[in-house]
């Protein structure tokens, strides 16, 4: 992931007061290909309903020109432990307060 992409992600998410933004999957491992999606894990500082999440997702995809998979930390906590371990194994935090 380029520094410009990192900055675009942070800029687009800042209005939602994230406390942590992380990248996982192929972009985090550095083995992404042109058709790879960008996997993001976000802990939002404000309540996010489905409409807000869809707006964030859509805006990020348009700005970056890549498919985004957006996972909230709250959703991850309720997921299968294997999914949690998989994400944690290559998570790279790009923003944290």
PDB file of N, CA and C in Angstrom:
ATOM      1  N   UNK A   1       0.846  -1.169   0.000  1.00  0.00           N
ATOM      2  CA  UNK A   1       0.000   0.000   0.000  1.00  0.00           C
ATOM      3  C   UNK A   1       0.897   1.239   0.000  1.00  0.00           C
ATOM      4  N   UNK A   2       0.509   2.212  -0.785  1.00  0.00           N
ATOM      5  CA  UNK A   2       1.322   3.420  -0.902  1.00  0.00           C
ATOM      6  C   UNK A   2       1.024   4.383   0.250  1.00  0.00           C
ATOM      7  N   UNK A   3       1.960   5.282   0.539  1.00  0.00           N
ATOM      8  CA  UNK A   3       1.689   6.305   1.551  1.00  0.00           C
ATOM      9  C   UNK A   3       0.465   7.162   1.194  1.00  0.00           C
ATOM     10  N   UNK A   4       0.254   7.385  -0.093  1.00  0.00           N
ATOM     11  CA  UNK A   4      -0.906   8.171  -0.523  1.00  0.00           C
ATOM     12  C   UNK A   4      -2.209   7.438  -0.198  1.00  0.00           C
ATOM     13  N   UNK A   5      -2.238   6.127  -0.422  1.00  0.00           N
ATOM     14  CA  UNK A   5      -3.432   5.346  -0.088  1.00  0.00           C
ATOM     15  C   UNK A   5      -3.683   5.364   1.418  1.00  0.00           C
ATOM     16  N   UNK A   6      -2.619   5.218   2.183  1.00  0.00           N
ATOM     17  CA  UNK A   6      -2.746   5.261   3.642  1.00  0.00           C
ATOM     18  C   UNK A   6      -3.348   6.587   4.077  1.00  0.00           C
ATOM     19  N   UNK A   7      -2.842   7.681   3.535  1.00  0.00           N
ATOM     20  CA  UNK A   7      -3.353   8.999   3.903  1.00  0.00           C
ATOM     21  C   UNK A   7      -4.801   9.174   3.465  1.00  0.00           C
ATOM     22  N   UNK A   8      -5.160   8.679   2.297  1.00  0.00           N
ATOM     23  CA  UNK A   8      -6.550   8.777   1.836  1.00  0.00           C
ATOM     24  C   UNK A   8      -7.490   8.025   2.772  1.00  0.00           C
ATOM     25  N   UNK A   9      -7.087   6.847   3.204  1.00  0.00           N
ATOM     26  CA  UNK A   9      -7.908   6.065   4.131  1.00  0.00           C
ATOM     27  C   UNK A   9      -8.125   6.843   5.417  1.00  0.00           C
ATOM     28  N   UNK A  10      -7.055   7.339   5.987  1.00  0.00           N
ATOM     29  CA  UNK A  10      -7.150   8.082   7.246  1.00  0.00           C
ATOM     30  C   UNK A  10      -8.011   9.322   7.064  1.00  0.00           C
ATOM     31  N   UNK A  11      -7.785  10.078   6.005  1.00  0.00           N
ATOM     32  CA  UNK A  11      -8.554  11.298   5.743  1.00  0.00           C
ATOM     33  C   UNK A  11     -10.042  11.007   5.617  1.00  0.00           C
ATOM     34  N   UNK A  12     -10.399   9.949   4.910  1.00  0.00           N
ATOM     35  CA  UNK A  12     -11.815   9.622   4.719  1.00  0.00           C
ATOM     36  C   UNK A  12     -12.478   9.100   5.992  1.00  0.00           C
ATOM     37  N   UNK A  13     -11.692   8.500   6.879  1.00  0.00           N
ATOM     38  CA  UNK A  13     -12.270   7.944   8.100  1.00  0.00           C
ATOM     39  C   UNK A  13     -12.258   8.904   9.283  1.00  0.00           C
ATOM     40  N   UNK A  14     -11.428   9.937   9.259  1.00  0.00           N
ATOM     41  CA  UNK A  14     -11.324  10.862  10.393  1.00  0.00           C
ATOM     42  C   UNK A  14     -12.652  11.487  10.826  1.00  0.00           C
ATOM     43  N   UNK A  15     -13.571  11.829   9.918  1.00  0.00           N
ATOM     44  CA  UNK A  15     -14.846  12.393  10.380  1.00  0.00           C
ATOM     45  C   UNK A  15     -15.636  11.450  11.296  1.00  0.00           C
ATOM     46  N   UNK A  16     -15.312  10.170  11.272  1.00  0.00           N
ATOM     47  CA  UNK A  16     -16.011   9.182  12.099  1.00  0.00           C
ATOM     48  C   UNK A  16     -15.233   8.849  13.367  1.00  0.00           C
ATOM     49  N   UNK A  17     -14.238   9.669  13.671  1.00  0.00           N
ATOM     50  CA  UNK A  17     -13.450   9.588  14.896  1.00  0.00           C
ATOM     51  C   UNK A  17     -12.909   8.187  15.186  1.00  0.00           C
ATOM     52  N   UNK A  18     -12.200   7.602  14.242  1.00  0.00           N
ATOM     53  CA  UNK A  18     -11.661   6.265  14.513  1.00  0.00           C
ATOM     54  C   UNK A  18     -10.617   6.319  15.619  1.00  0.00           C
ATOM     55  N   UNK A  19     -10.589   5.290  16.442  1.00  0.00           N
ATOM     56  CA  UNK A  19      -9.534   5.188  17.442  1.00  0.00           C
ATOM     57  C   UNK A  19      -8.412   4.282  16.946  1.00  0.00           C
ATOM     58  N   UNK A  20      -8.756   3.456  15.943  1.00  0.00           N
ATOM     59  CA  UNK A  20      -7.729   2.593  15.353  1.00  0.00           C
ATOM     60  C   UNK A  20      -8.165   2.168  13.960  1.00  0.00           C
ATOM     61  N   UNK A  21      -7.204   2.194  13.037  1.00  0.00           N
ATOM     62  CA  UNK A  21      -7.418   1.724  11.670  1.00  0.00           C
ATOM     63  C   UNK A  21      -6.278   0.761  11.351  1.00  0.00           C
ATOM     64  N   UNK A  22      -6.640  -0.398  10.858  1.00  0.00           N
ATOM     65  CA  UNK A  22      -5.630  -1.382  10.496  1.00  0.00           C
ATOM     66  C   UNK A  22      -5.903  -1.984   9.131  1.00  0.00           C
ATOM     67  N   UNK A  23      -4.849  -2.450   8.512  1.00  0.00           N
ATOM     68  CA  UNK A  23      -4.929  -3.137   7.223  1.00  0.00           C
ATOM     69  C   UNK A  23      -4.532  -4.589   7.474  1.00  0.00           C
ATOM     70  N   UNK A  24      -5.277  -5.515   6.876  1.00  0.00           N
ATOM     71  CA  UNK A  24      -4.919  -6.924   6.978  1.00  0.00           C
ATOM     72  C   UNK A  24      -5.083  -7.572   5.611  1.00  0.00           C
ATOM     73  N   UNK A  25      -4.691  -8.809   5.506  1.00  0.00           N
ATOM     74  CA  UNK A  25      -4.803  -9.498   4.220  1.00  0.00           C
ATOM     75  C   UNK A  25      -3.620  -9.202   3.317  1.00  0.00           C
ATOM     76  N   UNK A  26      -3.850  -9.324   2.023  1.00  0.00           N
ATOM     77  CA  UNK A  26      -2.751  -9.240   1.054  1.00  0.00           C
ATOM     78  C   UNK A  26      -2.031  -7.893   1.073  1.00  0.00           C
ATOM     79  N   UNK A  27      -2.752  -6.797   1.294  1.00  0.00           N
ATOM     80  CA  UNK A  27      -2.083  -5.490   1.340  1.00  0.00           C
ATOM     81  C   UNK A  27      -1.153  -5.406   2.547  1.00  0.00           C
ATOM     82  N   UNK A  28      -1.555  -5.981   3.667  1.00  0.00           N
ATOM     83  CA  UNK A  28      -0.710  -5.963   4.860  1.00  0.00           C
ATOM     84  C   UNK A  28       0.519  -6.851   4.681  1.00  0.00           C
ATOM     85  N   UNK A  29       0.330  -7.963   3.999  1.00  0.00           N
ATOM     86  CA  UNK A  29       1.446  -8.890   3.778  1.00  0.00           C
ATOM     87  C   UNK A  29       2.360  -8.450   2.640  1.00  0.00           C
ATOM     88  N   UNK A  30       1.883  -7.542   1.803  1.00  0.00           N
ATOM     89  CA  UNK A  30       2.679  -7.076   0.676  1.00  0.00           C
ATOM     90  C   UNK A  30       2.617  -7.987  -0.535  1.00  0.00           C
ATOM     91  N   UNK A  31       1.636  -8.900  -0.562  1.00  0.00           N
ATOM     92  CA  UNK A  31       1.517  -9.777  -1.724  1.00  0.00           C
ATOM     93  C   UNK A  31       0.237  -9.510  -2.517  1.00  0.00           C
ATOM     94  N   UNK A  32      -0.253  -8.270  -2.415  1.00  0.00           N
ATOM     95  CA  UNK A  32      -1.456  -7.893  -3.163  1.00  0.00           C
ATOM     96  C   UNK A  32      -1.164  -7.826  -4.657  1.00  0.00           C
ATOM     97  N   UNK A  33      -2.206  -8.089  -5.416  1.00  0.00           N
ATOM     98  CA  UNK A  33      -2.146  -8.037  -6.878  1.00  0.00           C
ATOM     99  C   UNK A  33      -3.083  -6.924  -7.351  1.00  0.00           C
ATOM    100  N   UNK A  34      -3.051  -6.563  -8.623  1.00  0.00           N
ATOM    101  CA  UNK A  34      -3.917  -5.476  -9.107  1.00  0.00           C
ATOM    102  C   UNK A  34      -5.407  -5.692  -8.822  1.00  0.00           C
ATOM    103  N   UNK A  35      -5.845  -6.948  -8.762  1.00  0.00           N
ATOM    104  CA  UNK A  35      -7.266  -7.201  -8.513  1.00  0.00           C
ATOM    105  C   UNK A  35      -7.574  -7.546  -7.049  1.00  0.00           C
ATOM    106  N   UNK A  36      -6.588  -7.375  -6.161  1.00  0.00           N
ATOM    107  CA  UNK A  36      -6.804  -7.669  -4.740  1.00  0.00           C
ATOM    108  C   UNK A  36      -7.714  -6.633  -4.104  1.00  0.00           C
ATOM    109  N   UNK A  37      -8.507  -7.099  -3.134  1.00  0.00           N
ATOM    110  CA  UNK A  37      -9.292  -6.145  -2.364  1.00  0.00           C
ATOM    111  C   UNK A  37      -8.446  -5.660  -1.191  1.00  0.00           C
ATOM    112  N   UNK A  38      -8.847  -4.534  -0.631  1.00  0.00           N
ATOM    113  CA  UNK A  38      -8.147  -3.928   0.494  1.00  0.00           C
ATOM    114  C   UNK A  38      -8.973  -4.189   1.746  1.00  0.00           C
ATOM    115  N   UNK A  39      -8.397  -4.933   2.688  1.00  0.00           N
ATOM    116  CA  UNK A  39      -9.094  -5.313   3.913  1.00  0.00           C
ATOM    117  C   UNK A  39      -8.748  -4.334   5.025  1.00  0.00           C
ATOM    118  N   UNK A  40      -9.782  -3.703   5.585  1.00  0.00           N
ATOM    119  CA  UNK A  40      -9.590  -2.722   6.649  1.00  0.00           C
ATOM    120  C   UNK A  40     -10.324  -3.153   7.908  1.00  0.00           C
ATOM    121  N   UNK A  41      -9.674  -2.966   9.051  1.00  0.00           N
ATOM    122  CA  UNK A  41     -10.285  -3.166  10.359  1.00  0.00           C
ATOM    123  C   UNK A  41     -10.322  -1.806  11.036  1.00  0.00           C
ATOM    124  N   UNK A  42     -11.516  -1.375  11.446  1.00  0.00           N
ATOM    125  CA  UNK A  42     -11.668  -0.031  12.003  1.00  0.00           C
ATOM    126  C   UNK A  42     -12.437  -0.089  13.316  1.00  0.00           C
ATOM    127  N   UNK A  43     -11.946   0.659  14.289  1.00  0.00           N
ATOM    128  CA  UNK A  43     -12.689   0.883  15.521  1.00  0.00           C
ATOM    129  C   UNK A  43     -13.175   2.332  15.465  1.00  0.00           C
ATOM    130  N   UNK A  44     -14.465   2.494  15.231  1.00  0.00           N
ATOM    131  CA  UNK A  44     -15.037   3.830  15.104  1.00  0.00           C
ATOM    132  C   UNK A  44     -15.314   4.426  16.478  1.00  0.00           C
ATOM    133  N   UNK A  45     -15.078   5.738  16.608  1.00  0.00           N
ATOM    134  CA  UNK A  45     -15.327   6.437  17.862  1.00  0.00           C
ATOM    135  C   UNK A  45     -16.735   6.979  17.985  1.00  0.00           C
ATOM    136  N   UNK A  46     -17.513   6.850  16.941  1.00  0.00           N
ATOM    137  CA  UNK A  46     -18.916   7.289  16.965  1.00  0.00           C
ATOM    138  C   UNK A  46     -19.785   6.099  16.551  1.00  0.00           C
ATOM    139  N   UNK A  47     -21.042   6.082  16.999  1.00  0.00           N
ATOM    140  CA  UNK A  47     -21.932   4.986  16.591  1.00  0.00           C
ATOM    141  C   UNK A  47     -22.095   4.955  15.071  1.00  0.00           C
ATOM    142  N   UNK A  48     -22.034   3.760  14.518  1.00  0.00           N
ATOM    143  CA  UNK A  48     -22.140   3.590  13.067  1.00  0.00           C
ATOM    144  C   UNK A  48     -23.295   2.646  12.759  1.00  0.00           C
ATOM    145  N   UNK A  49     -24.307   3.177  12.082  1.00  0.00           N
ATOM    146  CA  UNK A  49     -25.380   2.308  11.616  1.00  0.00           C
ATOM    147  C   UNK A  49     -25.026   1.814  10.214  1.00  0.00           C
ATOM    148  N   UNK A  50     -25.866   0.955   9.679  1.00  0.00           N
ATOM    149  CA  UNK A  50     -25.575   0.353   8.378  1.00  0.00           C
ATOM    150  C   UNK A  50     -25.447   1.394   7.268  1.00  0.00           C
ATOM    151  N   UNK A  51     -26.287   2.417   7.293  1.00  0.00           N
ATOM    152  CA  UNK A  51     -26.236   3.460   6.257  1.00  0.00           C
ATOM    153  C   UNK A  51     -24.893   4.186   6.298  1.00  0.00           C
ATOM    154  N   UNK A  52     -24.429   4.546   7.490  1.00  0.00           N
ATOM    155  CA  UNK A  52     -23.134   5.222   7.609  1.00  0.00           C
ATOM    156  C   UNK A  52     -21.999   4.314   7.129  1.00  0.00           C
ATOM    157  N   UNK A  53     -22.049   3.040   7.529  1.00  0.00           N
ATOM    158  CA  UNK A  53     -21.001   2.111   7.102  1.00  0.00           C
ATOM    159  C   UNK A  53     -20.959   1.965   5.590  1.00  0.00           C
ATOM    160  N   UNK A  54     -22.125   1.874   4.976  1.00  0.00           N
ATOM    161  CA  UNK A  54     -22.179   1.752   3.517  1.00  0.00           C
ATOM    162  C   UNK A  54     -21.643   3.012   2.846  1.00  0.00           C
ATOM    163  N   UNK A  55     -21.932   4.171   3.416  1.00  0.00           N
ATOM    164  CA  UNK A  55     -21.429   5.432   2.873  1.00  0.00           C
ATOM    165  C   UNK A  55     -19.903   5.486   2.962  1.00  0.00           C
ATOM    166  N   UNK A  56     -19.364   5.092   4.106  1.00  0.00           N
ATOM    167  CA  UNK A  56     -17.910   5.069   4.280  1.00  0.00           C
ATOM    168  C   UNK A  56     -17.280   4.117   3.268  1.00  0.00           C
ATOM    169  N   UNK A  57     -17.832   2.934   3.165  1.00  0.00           N
ATOM    170  CA  UNK A  57     -17.325   1.914   2.246  1.00  0.00           C
ATOM    171  C   UNK A  57     -17.338   2.426   0.806  1.00  0.00           C
ATOM    172  N   UNK A  58     -18.462   3.002   0.394  1.00  0.00           N
ATOM    173  CA  UNK A  58     -18.611   3.497  -0.974  1.00  0.00           C
ATOM    174  C   UNK A  58     -17.639   4.638  -1.264  1.00  0.00           C
ATOM    175  N   UNK A  59     -17.506   5.561  -0.333  1.00  0.00           N
ATOM    176  CA  UNK A  59     -16.606   6.702  -0.498  1.00  0.00           C
ATOM    177  C   UNK A  59     -15.154   6.240  -0.611  1.00  0.00           C
ATOM    178  N   UNK A  60     -14.767   5.298   0.241  1.00  0.00           N
ATOM    179  CA  UNK A  60     -13.395   4.785   0.189  1.00  0.00           C
ATOM    180  C   UNK A  60     -13.108   4.066  -1.127  1.00  0.00           C
ATOM    181  N   UNK A  61     -14.046   3.250  -1.571  1.00  0.00           N
ATOM    182  CA  UNK A  61     -13.834   2.551  -2.842  1.00  0.00           C
ATOM    183  C   UNK A  61     -13.673   3.535  -3.990  1.00  0.00           C
ATOM    184  N   UNK A  62     -14.506   4.560  -4.014  1.00  0.00           N
ATOM    185  CA  UNK A  62     -14.399   5.563  -5.075  1.00  0.00           C
ATOM    186  C   UNK A  62     -13.063   6.295  -5.014  1.00  0.00           C
ATOM    187  N   UNK A  63     -12.636   6.667  -3.815  1.00  0.00           N
ATOM    188  CA  UNK A  63     -11.400   7.435  -3.657  1.00  0.00           C
ATOM    189  C   UNK A  63     -10.162   6.618  -4.016  1.00  0.00           C
ATOM    190  N   UNK A  64     -10.155   5.351  -3.618  1.00  0.00           N
ATOM    191  CA  UNK A  64      -8.967   4.525  -3.814  1.00  0.00           C
ATOM    192  C   UNK A  64      -8.981   3.733  -5.118  1.00  0.00           C
ATOM    193  N   UNK A  65     -10.159   3.572  -5.697  1.00  0.00           N
ATOM    194  CA  UNK A  65     -10.262   2.808  -6.935  1.00  0.00           C
ATOM    195  C   UNK A  65      -9.987   1.328  -6.754  1.00  0.00           C
ATOM    196  N   UNK A  66     -10.299   0.815  -5.575  1.00  0.00           N
ATOM    197  CA  UNK A  66     -10.075  -0.597  -5.264  1.00  0.00           C
ATOM    198  C   UNK A  66     -11.243  -1.083  -4.406  1.00  0.00           C
ATOM    199  N   UNK A  67     -11.565  -2.381  -4.521  1.00  0.00           N
ATOM    200  CA  UNK A  67     -12.629  -2.943  -3.691  1.00  0.00           C
ATOM    201  C   UNK A  67     -12.169  -2.978  -2.236  1.00  0.00           C
ATOM    202  N   UNK A  68     -13.032  -2.540  -1.337  1.00  0.00           N
ATOM    203  CA  UNK A  68     -12.730  -2.483   0.092  1.00  0.00           C
ATOM    204  C   UNK A  68     -13.577  -3.512   0.829  1.00  0.00           C
ATOM    205  N   UNK A  69     -12.945  -4.257   1.730  1.00  0.00           N
ATOM    206  CA  UNK A  69     -13.662  -5.068   2.712  1.00  0.00           C
ATOM    207  C   UNK A  69     -13.457  -4.377   4.049  1.00  0.00           C
ATOM    208  N   UNK A  70     -14.540  -3.869   4.614  1.00  0.00           N
ATOM    209  CA  UNK A  70     -14.481  -3.084   5.843  1.00  0.00           C
ATOM    210  C   UNK A  70     -15.051  -3.902   6.990  1.00  0.00           C
ATOM    211  N   UNK A  71     -14.241  -4.118   8.021  1.00  0.00           N
ATOM    212  CA  UNK A  71     -14.652  -4.870   9.200  1.00  0.00           C
ATOM    213  C   UNK A  71     -14.516  -3.956  10.405  1.00  0.00           C
ATOM    214  N   UNK A  72     -15.548  -3.900  11.233  1.00  0.00           N
ATOM    215  CA  UNK A  72     -15.440  -3.121  12.463  1.00  0.00           C
ATOM    216  C   UNK A  72     -14.892  -4.017  13.569  1.00  0.00           C
ATOM    217  N   UNK A  73     -14.226  -3.399  14.535  1.00  0.00           N
ATOM    218  CA  UNK A  73     -13.693  -4.188  15.647  1.00  0.00           C
ATOM    219  C   UNK A  73     -14.822  -4.826  16.447  1.00  0.00           C
ATOM    220  N   UNK A  74     -15.961  -4.137  16.553  1.00  0.00           N
ATOM    221  CA  UNK A  74     -17.102  -4.730  17.257  1.00  0.00           C
ATOM    222  C   UNK A  74     -17.572  -6.002  16.565  1.00  0.00           C
ATOM    223  N   UNK A  75     -17.649  -5.985  15.247  1.00  0.00           N
ATOM    224  CA  UNK A  75     -18.059  -7.181  14.505  1.00  0.00           C
ATOM    225  C   UNK A  75     -17.019  -8.288  14.651  1.00  0.00           C
ATOM    226  N   UNK A  76     -15.751  -7.919  14.641  1.00  0.00           N
ATOM    227  CA  UNK A  76     -14.689  -8.916  14.768  1.00  0.00           C
ATOM    228  C   UNK A  76     -14.765  -9.624  16.117  1.00  0.00           C
ATOM    229  N   UNK A  77     -15.077  -8.885  17.166  1.00  0.00           N
ATOM    230  CA  UNK A  77     -15.179  -9.481  18.505  1.00  0.00           C
ATOM    231  C   UNK A  77     -16.245 -10.569  18.560  1.00  0.00           C
ATOM    232  N   UNK A  78     -17.259 -10.455  17.718  1.00  0.00           N
ATOM    233  CA  UNK A  78     -18.353 -11.430  17.711  1.00  0.00           C
ATOM    234  C   UNK A  78     -18.127 -12.549  16.691  1.00  0.00           C
ATOM    235  N   UNK A  79     -17.002 -12.524  16.016  1.00  0.00           N
ATOM    236  CA  UNK A  79     -16.758 -13.504  14.954  1.00  0.00           C
ATOM    237  C   UNK A  79     -16.065 -14.751  15.502  1.00  0.00           C
ATOM    238  N   UNK A  80     -15.899 -15.696  14.624  1.00  0.00           N
ATOM    239  CA  UNK A  80     -15.226 -16.949  14.915  1.00  0.00           C
ATOM    240  C   UNK A  80     -13.787 -16.679  15.377  1.00  0.00           C
ATOM    241  N   UNK A  81     -13.316 -17.365  16.421  1.00  0.00           N
ATOM    242  CA  UNK A  81     -11.936 -17.159  16.885  1.00  0.00           C
ATOM    243  C   UNK A  81     -10.886 -17.370  15.793  1.00  0.00           C
ATOM    244  N   UNK A  82     -11.138 -18.255  14.854  1.00  0.00           N
ATOM    245  CA  UNK A  82     -10.172 -18.468  13.760  1.00  0.00           C
ATOM    246  C   UNK A  82     -10.075 -17.239  12.868  1.00  0.00           C
ATOM    247  N   UNK A  83     -11.208 -16.584  12.645  1.00  0.00           N
ATOM    248  CA  UNK A  83     -11.204 -15.343  11.858  1.00  0.00           C
ATOM    249  C   UNK A  83     -10.422 -14.279  12.613  1.00  0.00           C
ATOM    250  N   UNK A  84     -10.656 -14.181  13.908  1.00  0.00           N
ATOM    251  CA  UNK A  84      -9.936 -13.208  14.731  1.00  0.00           C
ATOM    252  C   UNK A  84      -8.428 -13.442  14.661  1.00  0.00           C
ATOM    253  N   UNK A  85      -8.019 -14.696  14.780  1.00  0.00           N
ATOM    254  CA  UNK A  85      -6.592 -15.037  14.727  1.00  0.00           C
ATOM    255  C   UNK A  85      -5.992 -14.735  13.357  1.00  0.00           C
ATOM    256  N   UNK A  86      -6.735 -15.027  12.315  1.00  0.00           N
ATOM    257  CA  UNK A  86      -6.246 -14.776  10.959  1.00  0.00           C
ATOM    258  C   UNK A  86      -6.008 -13.290  10.731  1.00  0.00           C
ATOM    259  N   UNK A  87      -6.958 -12.476  11.153  1.00  0.00           N
ATOM    260  CA  UNK A  87      -6.811 -11.028  10.984  1.00  0.00           C
ATOM    261  C   UNK A  87      -5.668 -10.508  11.841  1.00  0.00           C
ATOM    262  N   UNK A  88      -5.590 -10.969  13.088  1.00  0.00           N
ATOM    263  CA  UNK A  88      -4.539 -10.503  13.995  1.00  0.00           C
ATOM    264  C   UNK A  88      -3.145 -10.878  13.500  1.00  0.00           C
ATOM    265  N   UNK A  89      -3.037 -11.983  12.779  1.00  0.00           N
ATOM    266  CA  UNK A  89      -1.717 -12.465  12.369  1.00  0.00           C
ATOM    267  C   UNK A  89      -1.004 -11.536  11.395  1.00  0.00           C
ATOM    268  N   UNK A  90      -1.755 -10.792  10.589  1.00  0.00           N
ATOM    269  CA  UNK A  90      -1.062  -9.893   9.654  1.00  0.00           C
ATOM    270  C   UNK A  90      -1.562  -8.452   9.727  1.00  0.00           C
ATOM    271  N   UNK A  91      -2.261  -8.109  10.791  1.00  0.00           N
ATOM    272  CA  UNK A  91      -2.782  -6.749  10.949  1.00  0.00           C
ATOM    273  C   UNK A  91      -1.643  -5.740  11.080  1.00  0.00           C
ATOM    274  N   UNK A  92      -1.730  -4.683  10.287  1.00  0.00           N
ATOM    275  CA  UNK A  92      -0.794  -3.564  10.399  1.00  0.00           C
ATOM    276  C   UNK A  92      -1.607  -2.318  10.724  1.00  0.00           C
ATOM    277  N   UNK A  93      -1.393  -1.769  11.902  1.00  0.00           N
ATOM    278  CA  UNK A  93      -2.110  -0.571  12.326  1.00  0.00           C
ATOM    279  C   UNK A  93      -1.515   0.632  11.605  1.00  0.00           C
ATOM    280  N   UNK A  94      -2.385   1.405  10.935  1.00  0.00           N
ATOM    281  CA  UNK A  94      -1.910   2.589  10.207  1.00  0.00           C
ATOM    282  C   UNK A  94      -2.323   3.885  10.899  1.00  0.00           C
ATOM    283  N   UNK A  95      -3.203   3.770  11.902  1.00  0.00           N
ATOM    284  CA  UNK A  95      -3.650   4.957  12.642  1.00  0.00           C
ATOM    285  C   UNK A  95      -4.152   4.490  13.997  1.00  0.00           C
ATOM    286  N   UNK A  96      -3.748   5.221  15.041  1.00  0.00           N
ATOM    287  CA  UNK A  96      -4.230   4.893  16.383  1.00  0.00           C
ATOM    288  C   UNK A  96      -4.115   6.116  17.276  1.00  0.00           C
ATOM    289  N   UNK A  97      -5.157   6.321  18.068  1.00  0.00           N
ATOM    290  CA  UNK A  97      -5.128   7.419  19.042  1.00  0.00           C
ATOM    291  C   UNK A  97      -5.238   6.863  20.436  1.00  0.00           C
TER     292      UNK A  97
END
